[in-house]
Amino acid sequence: MFVMELSYTAPVEAVEEHMDAHIAWLGGYYASGVFLASGRKVPRDGGVILAGGVSRAEIEKIAAEDPFTVAGVCAYRITEFIATRTSADLAAVREAPLA
């Protein structure tokens, strides 16, 4: 599973210009089951996406396709972790611990 933390590298006004395309991009990955949760950081200097079911290489490719990345208004920090314990709602994405 991955925590995709994005930080704005441009003023929020510049980010807003690409918001509709970003929301459409998010929707595609929610529909495919890759994205599990997302939202703005507080204070509003970026956002966070929780994702799973893909490899590190795939998640990096997905981040590179974000319209915010393409427009140069954000940078991603991607953290991979093993979700060995979850709420009942996220039971489908639980992973076995590495030996």
N, C-alpha and C. Protein backbone atom coordinates (compact mmCIF):
# COMPACT_ATOMS: atom_id res chain seq x y z
N MET A 1 0.85 -1.16 0.00
CA MET A 1 0.00 0.00 0.00
C MET A 1 0.90 1.23 0.00
N PHE A 2 0.36 2.34 -0.47
CA PHE A 2 1.15 3.55 -0.61
C PHE A 2 0.43 4.76 -0.04
N VAL A 3 1.21 5.62 0.60
CA VAL A 3 0.75 6.95 0.95
C VAL A 3 1.42 7.87 -0.06
N MET A 4 0.61 8.55 -0.84
CA MET A 4 1.11 9.48 -1.85
C MET A 4 0.87 10.89 -1.32
N GLU A 5 1.94 11.53 -0.85
CA GLU A 5 1.81 12.89 -0.33
C GLU A 5 2.26 13.87 -1.39
N LEU A 6 1.36 14.77 -1.77
CA LEU A 6 1.76 15.77 -2.75
C LEU A 6 1.84 17.12 -2.07
N SER A 7 2.86 17.87 -2.46
CA SER A 7 3.08 19.22 -1.94
C SER A 7 3.05 20.18 -3.11
N TYR A 8 2.30 21.26 -2.94
CA TYR A 8 2.23 22.26 -4.00
C TYR A 8 3.58 22.96 -4.15
N THR A 9 3.99 23.16 -5.38
CA THR A 9 5.23 23.86 -5.69
C THR A 9 4.94 25.19 -6.38
N ALA A 10 3.66 25.54 -6.42
CA ALA A 10 3.20 26.79 -7.04
C ALA A 10 2.08 27.35 -6.15
N PRO A 11 1.75 28.61 -6.32
CA PRO A 11 0.65 29.19 -5.54
C PRO A 11 -0.66 28.43 -5.79
N VAL A 12 -1.53 28.43 -4.78
CA VAL A 12 -2.80 27.71 -4.87
C VAL A 12 -3.60 28.15 -6.10
N GLU A 13 -3.49 29.40 -6.48
CA GLU A 13 -4.22 29.90 -7.65
C GLU A 13 -3.78 29.14 -8.91
N ALA A 14 -2.52 28.84 -9.02
CA ALA A 14 -2.01 28.08 -10.17
C ALA A 14 -2.48 26.63 -10.09
N VAL A 15 -2.52 26.08 -8.89
CA VAL A 15 -3.01 24.71 -8.70
C VAL A 15 -4.47 24.62 -9.11
N GLU A 16 -5.28 25.60 -8.70
CA GLU A 16 -6.71 25.61 -9.01
C GLU A 16 -6.98 25.54 -10.51
N GLU A 17 -6.10 26.08 -11.32
CA GLU A 17 -6.29 26.05 -12.78
C GLU A 17 -6.33 24.62 -13.32
N HIS A 18 -5.77 23.68 -12.58
CA HIS A 18 -5.68 22.28 -13.03
C HIS A 18 -6.56 21.34 -12.19
N MET A 19 -7.39 21.93 -11.32
CA MET A 19 -8.18 21.12 -10.38
C MET A 19 -9.17 20.19 -11.08
N ASP A 20 -9.89 20.67 -12.09
CA ASP A 20 -10.86 19.80 -12.77
C ASP A 20 -10.19 18.59 -13.40
N ALA A 21 -9.04 18.80 -14.03
CA ALA A 21 -8.31 17.68 -14.63
C ALA A 21 -7.79 16.73 -13.55
N HIS A 22 -7.34 17.28 -12.43
CA HIS A 22 -6.86 16.45 -11.31
C HIS A 22 -7.99 15.60 -10.76
N ILE A 23 -9.18 16.19 -10.59
CA ILE A 23 -10.33 15.46 -10.06
C ILE A 23 -10.73 14.34 -11.02
N ALA A 24 -10.69 14.60 -12.31
CA ALA A 24 -10.99 13.55 -13.30
C ALA A 24 -9.96 12.42 -13.21
N TRP A 25 -8.69 12.78 -13.07
CA TRP A 25 -7.62 11.79 -12.92
C TRP A 25 -7.86 10.94 -11.67
N LEU A 26 -8.19 11.57 -10.55
CA LEU A 26 -8.51 10.84 -9.33
C LEU A 26 -9.65 9.85 -9.58
N GLY A 27 -10.70 10.33 -10.25
CA GLY A 27 -11.88 9.50 -10.50
C GLY A 27 -11.55 8.23 -11.26
N GLY A 28 -10.66 8.33 -12.22
CA GLY A 28 -10.27 7.15 -12.99
C GLY A 28 -9.61 6.10 -12.12
N TYR A 29 -8.76 6.53 -11.18
CA TYR A 29 -8.08 5.57 -10.33
C TYR A 29 -8.96 5.08 -9.18
N TYR A 30 -9.96 5.87 -8.78
CA TYR A 30 -10.97 5.34 -7.85
C TYR A 30 -11.77 4.25 -8.56
N ALA A 31 -12.17 4.51 -9.79
CA ALA A 31 -12.97 3.54 -10.55
C ALA A 31 -12.23 2.23 -10.75
N SER A 32 -10.90 2.30 -10.91
CA SER A 32 -10.11 1.08 -11.11
C SER A 32 -9.77 0.37 -9.81
N GLY A 33 -10.08 1.00 -8.67
CA GLY A 33 -9.82 0.39 -7.37
C GLY A 33 -8.45 0.66 -6.80
N VAL A 34 -7.64 1.46 -7.47
CA VAL A 34 -6.29 1.76 -6.98
C VAL A 34 -6.33 2.77 -5.83
N PHE A 35 -7.12 3.81 -5.96
CA PHE A 35 -7.20 4.84 -4.92
C PHE A 35 -8.28 4.46 -3.91
N LEU A 36 -7.93 4.58 -2.63
CA LEU A 36 -8.82 4.20 -1.53
C LEU A 36 -9.35 5.41 -0.76
N ALA A 37 -8.57 6.48 -0.70
CA ALA A 37 -8.96 7.70 0.01
C ALA A 37 -8.05 8.82 -0.47
N SER A 38 -8.57 10.03 -0.42
CA SER A 38 -7.75 11.19 -0.80
C SER A 38 -8.35 12.46 -0.22
N GLY A 39 -7.53 13.49 -0.16
CA GLY A 39 -8.03 14.78 0.31
C GLY A 39 -6.91 15.79 0.48
N ARG A 40 -7.33 17.02 0.76
CA ARG A 40 -6.39 18.13 0.96
C ARG A 40 -5.72 18.04 2.32
N LYS A 41 -4.48 18.50 2.38
CA LYS A 41 -3.80 18.63 3.66
C LYS A 41 -4.29 19.91 4.34
N VAL A 42 -4.14 19.96 5.65
CA VAL A 42 -4.46 21.15 6.44
C VAL A 42 -3.19 21.53 7.17
N PRO A 43 -2.61 22.70 6.90
CA PRO A 43 -3.10 23.72 5.99
C PRO A 43 -3.02 23.26 4.53
N ARG A 44 -3.70 23.99 3.67
CA ARG A 44 -3.83 23.59 2.27
C ARG A 44 -2.55 23.88 1.48
N ASP A 45 -1.60 22.98 1.62
CA ASP A 45 -0.34 23.10 0.88
C ASP A 45 -0.06 21.85 0.06
N GLY A 46 -1.11 21.04 -0.13
CA GLY A 46 -0.98 19.81 -0.90
C GLY A 46 -2.10 18.86 -0.56
N GLY A 47 -1.84 17.57 -0.76
CA GLY A 47 -2.86 16.57 -0.49
C GLY A 47 -2.24 15.22 -0.21
N VAL A 48 -3.10 14.25 0.10
CA VAL A 48 -2.68 12.90 0.41
C VAL A 48 -3.62 11.93 -0.30
N ILE A 49 -3.04 10.88 -0.87
CA ILE A 49 -3.81 9.82 -1.50
C ILE A 49 -3.35 8.50 -0.90
N LEU A 50 -4.29 7.65 -0.51
CA LEU A 50 -4.00 6.30 -0.06
C LEU A 50 -4.32 5.37 -1.22
N ALA A 51 -3.35 4.55 -1.62
CA ALA A 51 -3.50 3.71 -2.82
C ALA A 51 -2.98 2.31 -2.55
N GLY A 52 -3.50 1.34 -3.33
CA GLY A 52 -3.03 -0.03 -3.16
C GLY A 52 -3.30 -0.87 -4.39
N GLY A 53 -2.75 -2.09 -4.35
CA GLY A 53 -3.01 -3.04 -5.41
C GLY A 53 -2.13 -2.91 -6.64
N VAL A 54 -1.10 -2.07 -6.56
CA VAL A 54 -0.18 -1.89 -7.68
C VAL A 54 1.25 -1.90 -7.16
N SER A 55 2.20 -2.01 -8.07
CA SER A 55 3.62 -2.02 -7.70
C SER A 55 4.14 -0.60 -7.49
N ARG A 56 5.34 -0.51 -6.96
CA ARG A 56 6.01 0.79 -6.77
C ARG A 56 6.18 1.48 -8.12
N ALA A 57 6.61 0.74 -9.13
CA ALA A 57 6.79 1.34 -10.46
C ALA A 57 5.48 1.88 -11.00
N GLU A 58 4.39 1.13 -10.79
CA GLU A 58 3.08 1.59 -11.28
C GLU A 58 2.62 2.84 -10.55
N ILE A 59 2.83 2.89 -9.23
CA ILE A 59 2.37 4.06 -8.48
C ILE A 59 3.17 5.30 -8.87
N GLU A 60 4.46 5.12 -9.16
CA GLU A 60 5.27 6.25 -9.63
C GLU A 60 4.80 6.74 -10.99
N LYS A 61 4.40 5.82 -11.86
CA LYS A 61 3.86 6.19 -13.17
C LYS A 61 2.54 6.94 -13.00
N ILE A 62 1.70 6.46 -12.09
CA ILE A 62 0.41 7.11 -11.83
C ILE A 62 0.64 8.54 -11.33
N ALA A 63 1.57 8.72 -10.40
CA ALA A 63 1.87 10.06 -9.88
C ALA A 63 2.37 10.98 -11.00
N ALA A 64 3.17 10.43 -11.89
CA ALA A 64 3.71 11.23 -13.00
C ALA A 64 2.62 11.67 -13.97
N GLU A 65 1.50 10.93 -14.01
CA GLU A 65 0.39 11.26 -14.90
C GLU A 65 -0.57 12.28 -14.31
N ASP A 66 -0.46 12.56 -13.02
CA ASP A 66 -1.36 13.53 -12.38
C ASP A 66 -1.25 14.87 -13.12
N PRO A 67 -2.35 15.47 -13.52
CA PRO A 67 -2.29 16.77 -14.18
C PRO A 67 -1.54 17.83 -13.37
N PHE A 68 -1.55 17.72 -12.05
CA PHE A 68 -0.76 18.65 -11.23
C PHE A 68 0.74 18.45 -11.50
N THR A 69 1.17 17.19 -11.61
CA THR A 69 2.58 16.90 -11.89
C THR A 69 2.94 17.39 -13.29
N VAL A 70 2.09 17.06 -14.26
CA VAL A 70 2.34 17.46 -15.65
C VAL A 70 2.47 18.98 -15.76
N ALA A 71 1.65 19.70 -15.01
CA ALA A 71 1.67 21.17 -15.05
C ALA A 71 2.81 21.76 -14.20
N GLY A 72 3.48 20.92 -13.43
CA GLY A 72 4.59 21.40 -12.61
C GLY A 72 4.16 22.18 -11.38
N VAL A 73 2.96 21.87 -10.84
CA VAL A 73 2.48 22.62 -9.68
C VAL A 73 2.53 21.80 -8.39
N CYS A 74 3.05 20.56 -8.46
CA CYS A 74 3.19 19.76 -7.25
C CYS A 74 4.35 18.80 -7.39
N ALA A 75 4.77 18.29 -6.25
CA ALA A 75 5.79 17.23 -6.19
C ALA A 75 5.26 16.14 -5.28
N TYR A 76 5.55 14.89 -5.61
CA TYR A 76 5.08 13.75 -4.83
C TYR A 76 6.17 13.18 -3.95
N ARG A 77 5.77 12.74 -2.78
CA ARG A 77 6.59 11.90 -1.89
C ARG A 77 5.76 10.64 -1.69
N ILE A 78 6.30 9.50 -2.09
CA ILE A 78 5.55 8.25 -2.03
C ILE A 78 6.18 7.34 -0.99
N THR A 79 5.35 6.90 -0.03
CA THR A 79 5.80 6.00 1.02
C THR A 79 5.05 4.69 0.89
N GLU A 80 5.79 3.60 0.79
CA GLU A 80 5.17 2.28 0.74
C GLU A 80 5.15 1.69 2.14
N PHE A 81 4.04 1.02 2.48
CA PHE A 81 3.98 0.33 3.77
C PHE A 81 3.14 -0.93 3.63
N ILE A 82 3.30 -1.83 4.59
CA ILE A 82 2.56 -3.09 4.61
C ILE A 82 1.38 -2.88 5.56
N ALA A 83 0.16 -2.90 5.04
CA ALA A 83 -1.05 -2.68 5.84
C ALA A 83 -1.47 -4.00 6.49
N THR A 84 -0.83 -4.33 7.61
CA THR A 84 -1.12 -5.61 8.27
C THR A 84 -2.36 -5.54 9.15
N ARG A 85 -2.79 -4.34 9.47
CA ARG A 85 -3.99 -4.17 10.29
C ARG A 85 -4.78 -3.01 9.72
N THR A 86 -6.08 -3.21 9.55
CA THR A 86 -6.96 -2.18 9.00
C THR A 86 -8.30 -2.21 9.72
N SER A 87 -9.12 -1.20 9.45
CA SER A 87 -10.51 -1.24 9.88
C SER A 87 -11.22 -2.31 9.07
N ALA A 88 -12.40 -2.69 9.51
CA ALA A 88 -13.19 -3.69 8.77
C ALA A 88 -13.48 -3.20 7.36
N ASP A 89 -13.67 -1.89 7.18
CA ASP A 89 -13.97 -1.33 5.86
C ASP A 89 -12.82 -1.50 4.88
N LEU A 90 -11.61 -1.62 5.38
CA LEU A 90 -10.44 -1.77 4.51
C LEU A 90 -9.84 -3.18 4.56
N ALA A 91 -10.60 -4.14 5.04
CA ALA A 91 -10.09 -5.51 5.18
C ALA A 91 -9.58 -6.08 3.87
N ALA A 92 -10.16 -5.68 2.76
CA ALA A 92 -9.75 -6.22 1.46
C ALA A 92 -8.33 -5.83 1.08
N VAL A 93 -7.76 -4.79 1.69
CA VAL A 93 -6.42 -4.36 1.32
C VAL A 93 -5.36 -4.76 2.36
N ARG A 94 -5.74 -5.55 3.35
CA ARG A 94 -4.76 -6.03 4.33
C ARG A 94 -3.72 -6.89 3.64
N GLU A 95 -2.50 -6.81 4.16
CA GLU A 95 -1.40 -7.57 3.58
C GLU A 95 -0.74 -8.41 4.67
N ALA A 96 -0.17 -9.53 4.26
CA ALA A 96 0.58 -10.37 5.19
C ALA A 96 1.91 -9.71 5.49
N PRO A 97 2.35 -9.78 6.75
CA PRO A 97 3.67 -9.20 7.06
C PRO A 97 4.77 -9.96 6.32
N LEU A 98 5.82 -9.24 6.00
CA LEU A 98 6.98 -9.88 5.35
C LEU A 98 7.70 -10.74 6.38
N ALA A 99 8.21 -11.86 5.95
CA ALA A 99 8.92 -12.77 6.87
C ALA A 99 10.24 -12.20 7.30
